[in-house]
Amino acid sequence: MSSDPPEKPPTPRQEARDRRAANIFLLVAGALLVAIGIWLANAMVDARRADECISSGRRNCQPIEAPAR
């Protein structure tokens, strides 16, 4: 038998704070997933372009950027 006192139900203020924290976490996680998805899509497009360039027999498929003088 446990002699611990029963837990108090959270107050409306605590519930609102917890809900707000959960919403912020979900917003950040969603934004991170969207950013990763965009980065991955761009990387796949770049890889496809390079593959098409190499498949067509060209040699200068990846331009080298030189600093402006």
N, C-alpha and C. Protein backbone atom coordinates (compact mmCIF):
# COMPACT_ATOMS: atom_id res chain seq x y z
N MET A 1 0.83 -1.17 0.00
CA MET A 1 0.00 0.00 0.00
C MET A 1 0.88 1.24 0.00
N SER A 2 0.58 2.12 -0.87
CA SER A 2 1.35 3.34 -1.02
C SER A 2 0.71 4.44 -0.20
N SER A 3 1.55 5.19 0.49
CA SER A 3 1.04 6.29 1.29
C SER A 3 1.28 7.64 0.62
N ASP A 4 1.59 7.60 -0.69
CA ASP A 4 1.81 8.84 -1.42
C ASP A 4 0.49 9.59 -1.55
N PRO A 5 0.57 10.91 -1.44
CA PRO A 5 -0.67 11.69 -1.64
C PRO A 5 -1.05 11.65 -3.11
N PRO A 6 -2.33 11.70 -3.39
CA PRO A 6 -2.76 11.68 -4.80
C PRO A 6 -2.26 12.93 -5.52
N GLU A 7 -1.97 12.76 -6.81
CA GLU A 7 -1.48 13.90 -7.60
C GLU A 7 -2.62 14.89 -7.82
N LYS A 8 -2.25 16.17 -7.77
CA LYS A 8 -3.23 17.22 -8.03
C LYS A 8 -3.41 17.33 -9.54
N PRO A 9 -4.62 17.54 -9.98
CA PRO A 9 -4.81 17.75 -11.42
C PRO A 9 -4.14 19.07 -11.83
N PRO A 10 -3.61 19.14 -13.04
CA PRO A 10 -2.94 20.38 -13.46
C PRO A 10 -3.94 21.54 -13.55
N THR A 11 -3.44 22.70 -13.22
CA THR A 11 -4.28 23.89 -13.30
C THR A 11 -4.44 24.29 -14.77
N PRO A 12 -5.46 25.07 -15.08
CA PRO A 12 -5.61 25.52 -16.48
C PRO A 12 -4.38 26.27 -17.00
N ARG A 13 -3.72 27.00 -16.12
CA ARG A 13 -2.50 27.73 -16.53
C ARG A 13 -1.39 26.75 -16.89
N GLN A 14 -1.23 25.68 -16.10
CA GLN A 14 -0.22 24.66 -16.40
C GLN A 14 -0.56 23.92 -17.70
N GLU A 15 -1.83 23.62 -17.90
CA GLU A 15 -2.24 22.95 -19.13
C GLU A 15 -1.95 23.82 -20.35
N ALA A 16 -2.23 25.10 -20.25
CA ALA A 16 -1.98 26.02 -21.36
C ALA A 16 -0.48 26.11 -21.65
N ARG A 17 0.33 26.16 -20.60
CA ARG A 17 1.78 26.22 -20.79
C ARG A 17 2.30 24.95 -21.44
N ASP A 18 1.81 23.79 -20.99
CA ASP A 18 2.23 22.52 -21.58
C ASP A 18 1.79 22.42 -23.04
N ARG A 19 0.58 22.85 -23.32
CA ARG A 19 0.06 22.81 -24.69
C ARG A 19 0.87 23.74 -25.60
N ARG A 20 1.21 24.93 -25.09
CA ARG A 20 2.02 25.87 -25.85
C ARG A 20 3.41 25.29 -26.13
N ALA A 21 4.01 24.67 -25.14
CA ALA A 21 5.33 24.06 -25.33
C ALA A 21 5.27 22.93 -26.36
N ALA A 22 4.23 22.13 -26.30
CA ALA A 22 4.07 21.04 -27.26
C ALA A 22 3.86 21.60 -28.67
N ASN A 23 3.08 22.65 -28.80
CA ASN A 23 2.84 23.26 -30.12
C ASN A 23 4.12 23.85 -30.69
N ILE A 24 4.92 24.50 -29.86
CA ILE A 24 6.19 25.07 -30.32
C ILE A 24 7.12 23.95 -30.77
N PHE A 25 7.19 22.88 -30.00
CA PHE A 25 8.03 21.74 -30.38
C PHE A 25 7.59 21.15 -31.70
N LEU A 26 6.29 20.98 -31.89
CA LEU A 26 5.78 20.41 -33.14
C LEU A 26 6.03 21.35 -34.32
N LEU A 27 5.91 22.65 -34.10
CA LEU A 27 6.18 23.62 -35.16
C LEU A 27 7.65 23.56 -35.58
N VAL A 28 8.55 23.51 -34.61
CA VAL A 28 9.98 23.44 -34.92
C VAL A 28 10.30 22.12 -35.64
N ALA A 29 9.74 21.02 -35.16
CA ALA A 29 9.98 19.72 -35.78
C ALA A 29 9.44 19.71 -37.21
N GLY A 30 8.27 20.27 -37.43
CA GLY A 30 7.69 20.34 -38.77
C GLY A 30 8.54 21.19 -39.71
N ALA A 31 9.00 22.34 -39.22
CA ALA A 31 9.84 23.22 -40.04
C ALA A 31 11.15 22.52 -40.39
N LEU A 32 11.69 21.79 -39.44
CA LEU A 32 12.93 21.04 -39.68
C LEU A 32 12.72 19.97 -40.74
N LEU A 33 11.61 19.26 -40.67
CA LEU A 33 11.32 18.24 -41.68
C LEU A 33 11.14 18.85 -43.06
N VAL A 34 10.46 19.99 -43.14
CA VAL A 34 10.28 20.66 -44.43
C VAL A 34 11.64 21.10 -44.98
N ALA A 35 12.49 21.68 -44.13
CA ALA A 35 13.81 22.13 -44.57
C ALA A 35 14.65 20.95 -45.07
N ILE A 36 14.62 19.84 -44.36
CA ILE A 36 15.37 18.66 -44.79
C ILE A 36 14.82 18.14 -46.12
N GLY A 37 13.51 18.15 -46.28
CA GLY A 37 12.90 17.71 -47.52
C GLY A 37 13.30 18.58 -48.70
N ILE A 38 13.32 19.90 -48.51
CA ILE A 38 13.73 20.81 -49.58
C ILE A 38 15.20 20.59 -49.93
N TRP A 39 16.04 20.46 -48.91
CA TRP A 39 17.46 20.22 -49.16
C TRP A 39 17.66 18.91 -49.92
N LEU A 40 16.96 17.87 -49.52
CA LEU A 40 17.08 16.57 -50.19
C LEU A 40 16.60 16.64 -51.63
N ALA A 41 15.50 17.31 -51.88
CA ALA A 41 15.00 17.45 -53.24
C ALA A 41 16.00 18.21 -54.11
N ASN A 42 16.58 19.29 -53.60
CA ASN A 42 17.59 20.03 -54.36
C ASN A 42 18.82 19.19 -54.64
N ALA A 43 19.25 18.40 -53.66
CA ALA A 43 20.41 17.53 -53.85
C ALA A 43 20.12 16.48 -54.92
N MET A 44 18.90 15.95 -54.94
CA MET A 44 18.54 14.96 -55.95
C MET A 44 18.49 15.58 -57.35
N VAL A 45 17.99 16.81 -57.46
CA VAL A 45 17.95 17.49 -58.75
C VAL A 45 19.37 17.74 -59.25
N ASP A 46 20.26 18.20 -58.37
CA ASP A 46 21.65 18.44 -58.76
C ASP A 46 22.33 17.15 -59.21
N ALA A 47 22.09 16.07 -58.48
CA ALA A 47 22.68 14.77 -58.85
C ALA A 47 22.14 14.30 -60.20
N ARG A 48 20.86 14.50 -60.44
CA ARG A 48 20.28 14.10 -61.73
C ARG A 48 20.88 14.90 -62.87
N ARG A 49 21.05 16.21 -62.66
CA ARG A 49 21.65 17.05 -63.71
C ARG A 49 23.08 16.60 -64.01
N ALA A 50 23.85 16.31 -62.96
CA ALA A 50 25.22 15.86 -63.16
C ALA A 50 25.23 14.51 -63.88
N ASP A 51 24.34 13.63 -63.52
CA ASP A 51 24.27 12.32 -64.16
C ASP A 51 23.91 12.45 -65.64
N GLU A 52 22.94 13.31 -65.96
CA GLU A 52 22.56 13.53 -67.35
C GLU A 52 23.71 14.13 -68.15
N CYS A 53 24.45 15.04 -67.54
CA CYS A 53 25.58 15.67 -68.21
C CYS A 53 26.67 14.63 -68.51
N ILE A 54 26.99 13.82 -67.53
CA ILE A 54 28.03 12.80 -67.71
C ILE A 54 27.56 11.75 -68.72
N SER A 55 26.29 11.39 -68.68
CA SER A 55 25.75 10.39 -69.60
C SER A 55 25.79 10.87 -71.05
N SER A 56 25.70 12.18 -71.24
CA SER A 56 25.73 12.71 -72.60
C SER A 56 27.15 12.83 -73.14
N GLY A 57 28.14 12.52 -72.33
CA GLY A 57 29.53 12.49 -72.79
C GLY A 57 30.30 13.78 -72.59
N ARG A 58 29.70 14.74 -71.93
CA ARG A 58 30.42 16.00 -71.70
C ARG A 58 31.41 15.83 -70.55
N ARG A 59 32.43 16.67 -70.56
CA ARG A 59 33.47 16.57 -69.53
C ARG A 59 33.37 17.66 -68.47
N ASN A 60 32.88 18.82 -68.82
CA ASN A 60 32.84 19.96 -67.89
C ASN A 60 31.47 20.04 -67.23
N CYS A 61 31.13 19.02 -66.46
CA CYS A 61 29.79 18.95 -65.86
C CYS A 61 29.70 19.67 -64.52
N GLN A 62 30.79 19.78 -63.83
CA GLN A 62 30.80 20.46 -62.54
C GLN A 62 31.68 21.70 -62.66
N PRO A 63 31.09 22.87 -62.88
CA PRO A 63 31.89 24.08 -63.03
C PRO A 63 32.64 24.40 -61.75
N ILE A 64 33.84 24.88 -61.91
CA ILE A 64 34.68 25.28 -60.77
C ILE A 64 34.53 26.78 -60.61
N GLU A 65 34.13 27.20 -59.43
CA GLU A 65 33.94 28.62 -59.18
C GLU A 65 35.27 29.23 -58.74
N ALA A 66 35.70 30.23 -59.47
CA ALA A 66 36.93 30.94 -59.14
C ALA A 66 36.57 32.30 -58.56
N PRO A 67 37.31 32.76 -57.57
CA PRO A 67 37.00 34.08 -57.00
C PRO A 67 37.23 35.19 -58.04
N ALA A 68 36.39 36.22 -57.97
CA ALA A 68 36.51 37.35 -58.89
C ALA A 68 37.75 38.15 -58.54
N ARG A 69 38.41 38.63 -59.59
CA ARG A 69 39.64 39.42 -59.36
C ARG A 69 39.38 40.88 -59.54
